[in-house]
Amino acid sequence: MRADLKAAEKLRRARYTATTTPDVPRPRRTVTGQQARAEIARAKETDLAGRALPDLIPPRDPPADWARPRPSTAAGLRPGPVPRPSVSGDATGTAPASHTEE
């Protein structure tokens, strides 16, 4: 158990980059501006179309027994409003009046 605590302490301790000139200490995993610009330049040079999978197969049509959206009946026409279930518990099925002000 003591070895586990020593290992955890070693991992927790902050590590700084080595330097040969006086400079502000920087954490070891910090990326400098120059390194970031170089990484961005490399990413821009990458041809994504060349990296795409050439053998990509389009998916098949779903089985006939799966639920699918209904095709629209006419362009521009939208289906009517969906009836809401009643909120009140009375036998008439009417909903109570809304008391919100608009």
PDB file of N, CA and C in Angstrom:
ATOM      1  N   MET A   1       0.828  -1.189   0.000  1.00  0.00           N
ATOM      2  CA  MET A   1       0.000   0.000   0.000  1.00  0.00           C
ATOM      3  C   MET A   1       0.872   1.253   0.000  1.00  0.00           C
ATOM      4  N   ARG A   2       1.953   1.217   0.725  1.00  0.00           N
ATOM      5  CA  ARG A   2       2.856   2.363   0.799  1.00  0.00           C
ATOM      6  C   ARG A   2       3.432   2.678  -0.587  1.00  0.00           C
ATOM      7  N   ALA A   3       3.698   1.642  -1.374  1.00  0.00           N
ATOM      8  CA  ALA A   3       4.234   1.834  -2.725  1.00  0.00           C
ATOM      9  C   ALA A   3       3.200   2.524  -3.616  1.00  0.00           C
ATOM     10  N   ASP A   4       1.913   2.192  -3.421  1.00  0.00           N
ATOM     11  CA  ASP A   4       0.850   2.827  -4.204  1.00  0.00           C
ATOM     12  C   ASP A   4       0.777   4.321  -3.911  1.00  0.00           C
ATOM     13  N   LEU A   5       0.948   4.687  -2.649  1.00  0.00           N
ATOM     14  CA  LEU A   5       0.919   6.103  -2.281  1.00  0.00           C
ATOM     15  C   LEU A   5       2.102   6.853  -2.872  1.00  0.00           C
ATOM     16  N   LYS A   6       3.265   6.216  -2.887  1.00  0.00           N
ATOM     17  CA  LYS A   6       4.440   6.856  -3.486  1.00  0.00           C
ATOM     18  C   LYS A   6       4.249   7.038  -4.986  1.00  0.00           C
ATOM     19  N   ALA A   7       3.680   6.035  -5.642  1.00  0.00           N
ATOM     20  CA  ALA A   7       3.439   6.130  -7.079  1.00  0.00           C
ATOM     21  C   ALA A   7       2.419   7.233  -7.377  1.00  0.00           C
ATOM     22  N   ALA A   8       1.374   7.330  -6.567  1.00  0.00           N
ATOM     23  CA  ALA A   8       0.362   8.370  -6.770  1.00  0.00           C
ATOM     24  C   ALA A   8       0.963   9.753  -6.553  1.00  0.00           C
ATOM     25  N   GLU A   9       1.813   9.897  -5.556  1.00  0.00           N
ATOM     26  CA  GLU A   9       2.469  11.188  -5.293  1.00  0.00           C
ATOM     27  C   GLU A   9       3.373  11.571  -6.464  1.00  0.00           C
ATOM     28  N   LYS A  10       4.063  10.599  -7.013  1.00  0.00           N
ATOM     29  CA  LYS A  10       4.955  10.863  -8.143  1.00  0.00           C
ATOM     30  C   LYS A  10       4.159  11.337  -9.365  1.00  0.00           C
ATOM     31  N   LEU A  11       2.987  10.737  -9.604  1.00  0.00           N
ATOM     32  CA  LEU A  11       2.156  11.135 -10.735  1.00  0.00           C
ATOM     33  C   LEU A  11       1.510  12.506 -10.509  1.00  0.00           C
ATOM     34  N   ARG A  12       1.221  12.833  -9.261  1.00  0.00           N
ATOM     35  CA  ARG A  12       0.551  14.082  -8.944  1.00  0.00           C
ATOM     36  C   ARG A  12       1.488  15.284  -9.034  1.00  0.00           C
ATOM     37  N   ARG A  13       2.748  15.072  -8.760  1.00  0.00           N
ATOM     38  CA  ARG A  13       3.718  16.147  -8.737  1.00  0.00           C
ATOM     39  C   ARG A  13       3.807  16.842 -10.090  1.00  0.00           C
ATOM     40  N   ALA A  14       3.885  18.163 -10.090  1.00  0.00           N
ATOM     41  CA  ALA A  14       3.983  18.926 -11.337  1.00  0.00           C
ATOM     42  C   ALA A  14       5.381  18.766 -11.923  1.00  0.00           C
ATOM     43  N   ARG A  15       5.445  18.567 -13.213  1.00  0.00           N
ATOM     44  CA  ARG A  15       6.731  18.440 -13.894  1.00  0.00           C
ATOM     45  C   ARG A  15       6.892  19.632 -14.823  1.00  0.00           C
ATOM     46  N   TYR A  16       8.115  20.141 -14.908  1.00  0.00           N
ATOM     47  CA  TYR A  16       8.394  21.309 -15.722  1.00  0.00           C
ATOM     48  C   TYR A  16       9.414  20.954 -16.789  1.00  0.00           C
ATOM     49  N   THR A  17       9.369  21.701 -17.890  1.00  0.00           N
ATOM     50  CA  THR A  17      10.292  21.437 -18.994  1.00  0.00           C
ATOM     51  C   THR A  17      11.702  21.848 -18.593  1.00  0.00           C
ATOM     52  N   ALA A  18      12.667  21.163 -19.170  1.00  0.00           N
ATOM     53  CA  ALA A  18      14.065  21.496 -18.919  1.00  0.00           C
ATOM     54  C   ALA A  18      14.437  22.711 -19.761  1.00  0.00           C
ATOM     55  N   THR A  19      15.290  23.536 -19.222  1.00  0.00           N
ATOM     56  CA  THR A  19      15.721  24.715 -19.956  1.00  0.00           C
ATOM     57  C   THR A  19      17.189  24.978 -19.654  1.00  0.00           C
ATOM     58  N   THR A  20      17.886  25.574 -20.605  1.00  0.00           N
ATOM     59  CA  THR A  20      19.296  25.886 -20.404  1.00  0.00           C
ATOM     60  C   THR A  20      19.511  27.370 -20.159  1.00  0.00           C
ATOM     61  N   THR A  21      18.452  28.164 -20.291  1.00  0.00           N
ATOM     62  CA  THR A  21      18.535  29.602 -20.035  1.00  0.00           C
ATOM     63  C   THR A  21      17.485  29.979 -19.012  1.00  0.00           C
ATOM     64  N   PRO A  22      17.719  31.071 -18.267  1.00  0.00           N
ATOM     65  CA  PRO A  22      16.704  31.484 -17.296  1.00  0.00           C
ATOM     66  C   PRO A  22      15.396  31.833 -18.013  1.00  0.00           C
ATOM     67  N   ASP A  23      14.312  31.261 -17.549  1.00  0.00           N
ATOM     68  CA  ASP A  23      13.016  31.481 -18.182  1.00  0.00           C
ATOM     69  C   ASP A  23      11.936  31.177 -17.154  1.00  0.00           C
ATOM     70  N   VAL A  24      10.725  31.588 -17.469  1.00  0.00           N
ATOM     71  CA  VAL A  24       9.590  31.287 -16.607  1.00  0.00           C
ATOM     72  C   VAL A  24       9.332  29.783 -16.668  1.00  0.00           C
ATOM     73  N   PRO A  25       9.154  29.130 -15.520  1.00  0.00           N
ATOM     74  CA  PRO A  25       8.888  27.683 -15.560  1.00  0.00           C
ATOM     75  C   PRO A  25       7.574  27.385 -16.289  1.00  0.00           C
ATOM     76  N   ARG A  26       7.629  26.405 -17.173  1.00  0.00           N
ATOM     77  CA  ARG A  26       6.438  25.983 -17.910  1.00  0.00           C
ATOM     78  C   ARG A  26       6.158  24.528 -17.608  1.00  0.00           C
ATOM     79  N   PRO A  27       4.888  24.201 -17.355  1.00  0.00           N
ATOM     80  CA  PRO A  27       4.560  22.788 -17.156  1.00  0.00           C
ATOM     81  C   PRO A  27       4.969  21.975 -18.384  1.00  0.00           C
ATOM     82  N   ARG A  28       5.307  20.737 -18.153  1.00  0.00           N
ATOM     83  CA  ARG A  28       5.866  19.888 -19.204  1.00  0.00           C
ATOM     84  C   ARG A  28       4.907  19.672 -20.369  1.00  0.00           C
ATOM     85  N   ARG A  29       3.638  19.570 -20.122  1.00  0.00           N
ATOM     86  CA  ARG A  29       2.683  19.266 -21.184  1.00  0.00           C
ATOM     87  C   ARG A  29       2.144  20.520 -21.874  1.00  0.00           C
ATOM     88  N   THR A  30       2.664  21.679 -21.558  1.00  0.00           N
ATOM     89  CA  THR A  30       2.199  22.911 -22.171  1.00  0.00           C
ATOM     90  C   THR A  30       2.730  23.017 -23.598  1.00  0.00           C
ATOM     91  N   VAL A  31       1.881  23.454 -24.512  1.00  0.00           N
ATOM     92  CA  VAL A  31       2.256  23.622 -25.904  1.00  0.00           C
ATOM     93  C   VAL A  31       2.578  25.096 -26.130  1.00  0.00           C
ATOM     94  N   THR A  32       3.705  25.359 -26.754  1.00  0.00           N
ATOM     95  CA  THR A  32       4.068  26.746 -27.046  1.00  0.00           C
ATOM     96  C   THR A  32       3.302  27.232 -28.269  1.00  0.00           C
ATOM     97  N   GLY A  33       3.293  28.526 -28.480  1.00  0.00           N
ATOM     98  CA  GLY A  33       2.611  29.091 -29.644  1.00  0.00           C
ATOM     99  C   GLY A  33       3.190  28.585 -30.944  1.00  0.00           C
ATOM    100  N   GLN A  34       4.509  28.464 -30.995  1.00  0.00           N
ATOM    101  CA  GLN A  34       5.168  27.976 -32.202  1.00  0.00           C
ATOM    102  C   GLN A  34       4.770  26.524 -32.478  1.00  0.00           C
ATOM    103  N   GLN A  35       4.712  25.704 -31.443  1.00  0.00           N
ATOM    104  CA  GLN A  35       4.301  24.315 -31.623  1.00  0.00           C
ATOM    105  C   GLN A  35       2.850  24.237 -32.091  1.00  0.00           C
ATOM    106  N   ALA A  36       1.999  25.096 -31.559  1.00  0.00           N
ATOM    107  CA  ALA A  36       0.594  25.095 -31.957  1.00  0.00           C
ATOM    108  C   ALA A  36       0.452  25.511 -33.418  1.00  0.00           C
ATOM    109  N   ARG A  37       1.182  26.545 -33.831  1.00  0.00           N
ATOM    110  CA  ARG A  37       1.113  26.983 -35.242  1.00  0.00           C
ATOM    111  C   ARG A  37       1.593  25.872 -36.173  1.00  0.00           C
ATOM    112  N   ALA A  38       2.659  25.164 -35.789  1.00  0.00           N
ATOM    113  CA  ALA A  38       3.164  24.064 -36.613  1.00  0.00           C
ATOM    114  C   ALA A  38       2.129  22.945 -36.716  1.00  0.00           C
ATOM    115  N   GLU A  39       1.465  22.637 -35.618  1.00  0.00           N
ATOM    116  CA  GLU A  39       0.432  21.593 -35.631  1.00  0.00           C
ATOM    117  C   GLU A  39      -0.742  21.991 -36.518  1.00  0.00           C
ATOM    118  N   ILE A  40      -1.152  23.242 -36.444  1.00  0.00           N
ATOM    119  CA  ILE A  40      -2.259  23.725 -37.279  1.00  0.00           C
ATOM    120  C   ILE A  40      -1.868  23.693 -38.746  1.00  0.00           C
ATOM    121  N   ALA A  41      -0.638  24.084 -39.050  1.00  0.00           N
ATOM    122  CA  ALA A  41      -0.172  24.048 -40.440  1.00  0.00           C
ATOM    123  C   ALA A  41      -0.169  22.623 -40.981  1.00  0.00           C
ATOM    124  N   ARG A  42       0.281  21.668 -40.156  1.00  0.00           N
ATOM    125  CA  ARG A  42       0.268  20.264 -40.591  1.00  0.00           C
ATOM    126  C   ARG A  42      -1.162  19.778 -40.823  1.00  0.00           C
ATOM    127  N   ALA A  43      -2.084  20.195 -39.971  1.00  0.00           N
ATOM    128  CA  ALA A  43      -3.477  19.761 -40.112  1.00  0.00           C
ATOM    129  C   ALA A  43      -4.095  20.336 -41.387  1.00  0.00           C
ATOM    130  N   LYS A  44      -3.739  21.578 -41.734  1.00  0.00           N
ATOM    131  CA  LYS A  44      -4.288  22.193 -42.952  1.00  0.00           C
ATOM    132  C   LYS A  44      -3.743  21.541 -44.208  1.00  0.00           C
ATOM    133  N   GLU A  45      -2.529  21.020 -44.139  1.00  0.00           N
ATOM    134  CA  GLU A  45      -1.928  20.368 -45.305  1.00  0.00           C
ATOM    135  C   GLU A  45      -2.489  18.982 -45.553  1.00  0.00           C
ATOM    136  N   THR A  46      -3.134  18.405 -44.564  1.00  0.00           N
ATOM    137  CA  THR A  46      -3.652  17.040 -44.686  1.00  0.00           C
ATOM    138  C   THR A  46      -4.815  17.012 -45.660  1.00  0.00           C
ATOM    139  N   ASP A  47      -4.758  16.097 -46.606  1.00  0.00           N
ATOM    140  CA  ASP A  47      -5.830  15.935 -47.588  1.00  0.00           C
ATOM    141  C   ASP A  47      -6.859  14.967 -47.013  1.00  0.00           C
ATOM    142  N   LEU A  48      -7.973  15.512 -46.529  1.00  0.00           N
ATOM    143  CA  LEU A  48      -8.990  14.663 -45.904  1.00  0.00           C
ATOM    144  C   LEU A  48      -9.654  13.737 -46.920  1.00  0.00           C
ATOM    145  N   ALA A  49      -9.792  14.194 -48.171  1.00  0.00           N
ATOM    146  CA  ALA A  49     -10.402  13.340 -49.193  1.00  0.00           C
ATOM    147  C   ALA A  49      -9.529  12.115 -49.448  1.00  0.00           C
ATOM    148  N   GLY A  50      -8.238  12.281 -49.359  1.00  0.00           N
ATOM    149  CA  GLY A  50      -7.326  11.159 -49.553  1.00  0.00           C
ATOM    150  C   GLY A  50      -7.389  10.166 -48.412  1.00  0.00           C
ATOM    151  N   ARG A  51      -7.764  10.640 -47.229  1.00  0.00           N
ATOM    152  CA  ARG A  51      -7.852   9.757 -46.067  1.00  0.00           C
ATOM    153  C   ARG A  51      -9.210   9.082 -45.944  1.00  0.00           C
ATOM    154  N   ALA A  52     -10.168   9.465 -46.776  1.00  0.00           N
ATOM    155  CA  ALA A  52     -11.511   8.887 -46.700  1.00  0.00           C
ATOM    156  C   ALA A  52     -11.461   7.406 -47.085  1.00  0.00           C
ATOM    157  N   LEU A  53     -12.373   6.651 -46.551  1.00  0.00           N
ATOM    158  CA  LEU A  53     -12.420   5.226 -46.850  1.00  0.00           C
ATOM    159  C   LEU A  53     -12.935   5.008 -48.271  1.00  0.00           C
ATOM    160  N   PRO A  54     -12.144   4.402 -49.147  1.00  0.00           N
ATOM    161  CA  PRO A  54     -12.580   4.222 -50.534  1.00  0.00           C
ATOM    162  C   PRO A  54     -13.659   3.164 -50.690  1.00  0.00           C
ATOM    163  N   ASP A  55     -13.758   2.235 -49.770  1.00  0.00           N
ATOM    164  CA  ASP A  55     -14.710   1.144 -49.907  1.00  0.00           C
ATOM    165  C   ASP A  55     -15.956   1.344 -49.046  1.00  0.00           C
ATOM    166  N   LEU A  56     -16.315   2.584 -48.795  1.00  0.00           N
ATOM    167  CA  LEU A  56     -17.490   2.861 -47.984  1.00  0.00           C
ATOM    168  C   LEU A  56     -18.745   2.385 -48.710  1.00  0.00           C
ATOM    169  N   ILE A  57     -19.526   1.578 -48.038  1.00  0.00           N
ATOM    170  CA  ILE A  57     -20.733   1.005 -48.628  1.00  0.00           C
ATOM    171  C   ILE A  57     -21.932   1.728 -48.033  1.00  0.00           C
ATOM    172  N   PRO A  58     -22.835   2.250 -48.881  1.00  0.00           N
ATOM    173  CA  PRO A  58     -24.013   2.918 -48.334  1.00  0.00           C
ATOM    174  C   PRO A  58     -24.904   1.919 -47.598  1.00  0.00           C
ATOM    175  N   PRO A  59     -25.608   2.373 -46.573  1.00  0.00           N
ATOM    176  CA  PRO A  59     -26.450   1.443 -45.820  1.00  0.00           C
ATOM    177  C   PRO A  59     -27.608   0.917 -46.661  1.00  0.00           C
ATOM    178  N   ARG A  60     -28.059  -0.292 -46.329  1.00  0.00           N
ATOM    179  CA  ARG A  60     -29.190  -0.893 -47.042  1.00  0.00           C
ATOM    180  C   ARG A  60     -30.486  -0.254 -46.583  1.00  0.00           C
ATOM    181  N   ASP A  61     -31.548  -0.467 -47.353  1.00  0.00           N
ATOM    182  CA  ASP A  61     -32.878  -0.015 -46.940  1.00  0.00           C
ATOM    183  C   ASP A  61     -33.300  -0.806 -45.710  1.00  0.00           C
ATOM    184  N   PRO A  62     -34.037  -0.175 -44.796  1.00  0.00           N
ATOM    185  CA  PRO A  62     -34.470  -0.902 -43.602  1.00  0.00           C
ATOM    186  C   PRO A  62     -35.502  -1.973 -43.972  1.00  0.00           C
ATOM    187  N   PRO A  63     -35.669  -2.975 -43.136  1.00  0.00           N
ATOM    188  CA  PRO A  63     -36.665  -4.017 -43.411  1.00  0.00           C
ATOM    189  C   PRO A  63     -38.070  -3.426 -43.540  1.00  0.00           C
ATOM    190  N   ALA A  64     -38.928  -4.120 -44.257  1.00  0.00           N
ATOM    191  CA  ALA A  64     -40.279  -3.624 -44.532  1.00  0.00           C
ATOM    192  C   ALA A  64     -41.120  -3.505 -43.264  1.00  0.00           C
ATOM    193  N   ASP A  65     -40.832  -4.292 -42.242  1.00  0.00           N
ATOM    194  CA  ASP A  65     -41.653  -4.244 -41.042  1.00  0.00           C
ATOM    195  C   ASP A  65     -41.228  -3.136 -40.069  1.00  0.00           C
ATOM    196  N   TRP A  66     -40.203  -2.369 -40.372  1.00  0.00           N
ATOM    197  CA  TRP A  66     -39.803  -1.249 -39.535  1.00  0.00           C
ATOM    198  C   TRP A  66     -40.723  -0.060 -39.783  1.00  0.00           C
ATOM    199  N   ALA A  67     -40.971   0.726 -38.758  1.00  0.00           N
ATOM    200  CA  ALA A  67     -41.793   1.927 -38.902  1.00  0.00           C
ATOM    201  C   ALA A  67     -41.005   2.977 -39.673  1.00  0.00           C
ATOM    202  N   ARG A  68     -41.667   3.623 -40.619  1.00  0.00           N
ATOM    203  CA  ARG A  68     -41.040   4.667 -41.435  1.00  0.00           C
ATOM    204  C   ARG A  68     -41.941   5.891 -41.453  1.00  0.00           C
ATOM    205  N   PRO A  69     -41.381   7.062 -41.706  1.00  0.00           N
ATOM    206  CA  PRO A  69     -42.231   8.249 -41.801  1.00  0.00           C
ATOM    207  C   PRO A  69     -43.136   8.158 -43.020  1.00  0.00           C
ATOM    208  N   ARG A  70     -44.323   8.705 -42.863  1.00  0.00           N
ATOM    209  CA  ARG A  70     -45.257   8.707 -43.991  1.00  0.00           C
ATOM    210  C   ARG A  70     -44.826   9.752 -45.017  1.00  0.00           C
ATOM    211  N   PRO A  71     -44.975   9.450 -46.292  1.00  0.00           N
ATOM    212  CA  PRO A  71     -44.658  10.459 -47.305  1.00  0.00           C
ATOM    213  C   PRO A  71     -45.689  11.583 -47.250  1.00  0.00           C
ATOM    214  N   SER A  72     -45.252  12.797 -47.552  1.00  0.00           N
ATOM    215  CA  SER A  72     -46.189  13.923 -47.515  1.00  0.00           C
ATOM    216  C   SER A  72     -47.222  13.767 -48.627  1.00  0.00           C
ATOM    217  N   THR A  73     -48.471  14.160 -48.325  1.00  0.00           N
ATOM    218  CA  THR A  73     -49.554  14.003 -49.298  1.00  0.00           C
ATOM    219  C   THR A  73     -49.482  15.058 -50.397  1.00  0.00           C
ATOM    220  N   ALA A  74     -49.129  16.275 -50.041  1.00  0.00           N
ATOM    221  CA  ALA A  74     -48.997  17.330 -51.037  1.00  0.00           C
ATOM    222  C   ALA A  74     -47.918  18.299 -50.568  1.00  0.00           C
ATOM    223  N   ALA A  75     -47.269  18.925 -51.506  1.00  0.00           N
ATOM    224  CA  ALA A  75     -46.193  19.854 -51.150  1.00  0.00           C
ATOM    225  C   ALA A  75     -46.768  21.059 -50.432  1.00  0.00           C
ATOM    226  N   GLY A  76     -46.181  21.417 -49.335  1.00  0.00           N
ATOM    227  CA  GLY A  76     -46.605  22.601 -48.599  1.00  0.00           C
ATOM    228  C   GLY A  76     -47.717  22.349 -47.601  1.00  0.00           C
ATOM    229  N   LEU A  77     -48.407  21.217 -47.682  1.00  0.00           N
ATOM    230  CA  LEU A  77     -49.472  20.937 -46.726  1.00  0.00           C
ATOM    231  C   LEU A  77     -48.893  20.226 -45.528  1.00  0.00           C
ATOM    232  N   ARG A  78     -49.292  20.683 -44.366  1.00  0.00           N
ATOM    233  CA  ARG A  78     -48.828  20.059 -43.147  1.00  0.00           C
ATOM    234  C   ARG A  78     -49.985  19.309 -42.514  1.00  0.00           C
ATOM    235  N   PRO A  79     -49.718  18.229 -41.821  1.00  0.00           N
ATOM    236  CA  PRO A  79     -50.812  17.511 -41.171  1.00  0.00           C
ATOM    237  C   PRO A  79     -51.467  18.387 -40.114  1.00  0.00           C
ATOM    238  N   GLY A  80     -52.706  18.083 -39.797  1.00  0.00           N
ATOM    239  CA  GLY A  80     -53.467  18.849 -38.815  1.00  0.00           C
ATOM    240  C   GLY A  80     -52.880  18.730 -37.429  1.00  0.00           C
ATOM    241  N   PRO A  81     -53.437  19.493 -36.485  1.00  0.00           N
ATOM    242  CA  PRO A  81     -52.909  19.455 -35.125  1.00  0.00           C
ATOM    243  C   PRO A  81     -53.154  18.101 -34.478  1.00  0.00           C
ATOM    244  N   VAL A  82     -52.239  17.730 -33.640  1.00  0.00           N
ATOM    245  CA  VAL A  82     -52.342  16.463 -32.929  1.00  0.00           C
ATOM    246  C   VAL A  82     -53.228  16.687 -31.712  1.00  0.00           C
ATOM    247  N   PRO A  83     -54.279  15.874 -31.531  1.00  0.00           N
ATOM    248  CA  PRO A  83     -55.145  16.072 -30.368  1.00  0.00           C
ATOM    249  C   PRO A  83     -54.391  15.786 -29.075  1.00  0.00           C
ATOM    250  N   ARG A  84     -54.609  16.640 -28.089  1.00  0.00           N
ATOM    251  CA  ARG A  84     -53.960  16.475 -26.794  1.00  0.00           C
ATOM    252  C   ARG A  84     -54.845  15.621 -25.894  1.00  0.00           C
ATOM    253  N   PRO A  85     -54.247  14.783 -25.076  1.00  0.00           N
ATOM    254  CA  PRO A  85     -55.059  14.019 -24.128  1.00  0.00           C
ATOM    255  C   PRO A  85     -55.613  14.959 -23.064  1.00  0.00           C
ATOM    256  N   SER A  86     -56.789  14.626 -22.555  1.00  0.00           N
ATOM    257  CA  SER A  86     -57.399  15.495 -21.548  1.00  0.00           C
ATOM    258  C   SER A  86     -56.593  15.432 -20.263  1.00  0.00           C
ATOM    259  N   VAL A  87     -56.548  16.574 -19.554  1.00  0.00           N
ATOM    260  CA  VAL A  87     -55.761  16.665 -18.345  1.00  0.00           C
ATOM    261  C   VAL A  87     -56.638  16.474 -17.117  1.00  0.00           C
ATOM    262  N   SER A  88     -57.921  16.801 -17.241  1.00  0.00           N
ATOM    263  CA  SER A  88     -58.802  16.704 -16.073  1.00  0.00           C
ATOM    264  C   SER A  88     -59.260  15.266 -15.883  1.00  0.00           C
ATOM    265  N   GLY A  89     -59.727  14.999 -14.689  1.00  0.00           N
ATOM    266  CA  GLY A  89     -60.173  13.654 -14.387  1.00  0.00           C
ATOM    267  C   GLY A  89     -61.690  13.517 -14.456  1.00  0.00           C
ATOM    268  N   ASP A  90     -62.415  14.556 -14.939  1.00  0.00           N
ATOM    269  CA  ASP A  90     -63.875  14.446 -14.979  1.00  0.00           C
ATOM    270  C   ASP A  90     -64.321  13.613 -16.178  1.00  0.00           C
ATOM    271  N   ALA A  91     -65.559  13.220 -16.185  1.00  0.00           N
ATOM    272  CA  ALA A  91     -66.100  12.324 -17.209  1.00  0.00           C
ATOM    273  C   ALA A  91     -66.256  13.009 -18.555  1.00  0.00           C
ATOM    274  N   THR A  92     -66.340  14.348 -18.603  1.00  0.00           N
ATOM    275  CA  THR A  92     -66.543  15.034 -19.877  1.00  0.00           C
ATOM    276  C   THR A  92     -65.283  15.078 -20.710  1.00  0.00           C
ATOM    277  N   GLY A  93     -64.122  14.971 -20.052  1.00  0.00           N
ATOM    278  CA  GLY A  93     -62.874  14.992 -20.796  1.00  0.00           C
ATOM    279  C   GLY A  93     -62.422  16.385 -21.157  1.00  0.00           C
ATOM    280  N   THR A  94     -63.028  17.404 -20.596  1.00  0.00           N
ATOM    281  CA  THR A  94     -62.600  18.768 -20.906  1.00  0.00           C
ATOM    282  C   THR A  94     -61.442  19.150 -20.007  1.00  0.00           C
ATOM    283  N   ALA A  95     -60.552  19.908 -20.549  1.00  0.00           N
ATOM    284  CA  ALA A  95     -59.394  20.348 -19.796  1.00  0.00           C
ATOM    285  C   ALA A  95     -59.739  21.619 -19.038  1.00  0.00           C
ATOM    286  N   PRO A  96     -59.139  21.853 -17.871  1.00  0.00           N
ATOM    287  CA  PRO A  96     -59.401  23.099 -17.145  1.00  0.00           C
ATOM    288  C   PRO A  96     -58.844  24.292 -17.899  1.00  0.00           C
ATOM    289  N   ALA A  97     -59.426  25.452 -17.669  1.00  0.00           N
ATOM    290  CA  ALA A  97     -59.015  26.663 -18.349  1.00  0.00           C
ATOM    291  C   ALA A  97     -57.604  27.041 -17.919  1.00  0.00           C
ATOM    292  N   SER A  98     -56.827  27.577 -18.847  1.00  0.00           N
ATOM    293  CA  SER A  98     -55.493  28.010 -18.541  1.00  0.00           C
ATOM    294  C   SER A  98     -55.542  29.372 -17.856  1.00  0.00           C
ATOM    295  N   HIS A  99     -54.732  29.551 -16.839  1.00  0.00           N
ATOM    296  CA  HIS A  99     -54.710  30.812 -16.116  1.00  0.00           C
ATOM    297  C   HIS A  99     -53.476  31.625 -16.426  1.00  0.00           C
ATOM    298  N   THR A 100     -52.881  31.419 -17.567  1.00  0.00           N
ATOM    299  CA  THR A 100     -51.686  32.183 -17.923  1.00  0.00           C
ATOM    300  C   THR A 100     -52.084  33.423 -18.690  1.00  0.00           C
ATOM    301  N   GLU A 101     -51.325  34.474 -18.500  1.00  0.00           N
ATOM    302  CA  GLU A 101     -51.577  35.723 -19.226  1.00  0.00           C
ATOM    303  C   GLU A 101     -50.563  35.833 -20.335  1.00  0.00           C
ATOM    304  N   GLU A 102     -51.008  36.249 -21.488  1.00  0.00           N
ATOM    305  CA  GLU A 102     -50.101  36.397 -22.624  1.00  0.00           C
ATOM    306  C   GLU A 102     -49.926  37.824 -22.988  1.00  0.00           C
TER     307      GLU A 102
END
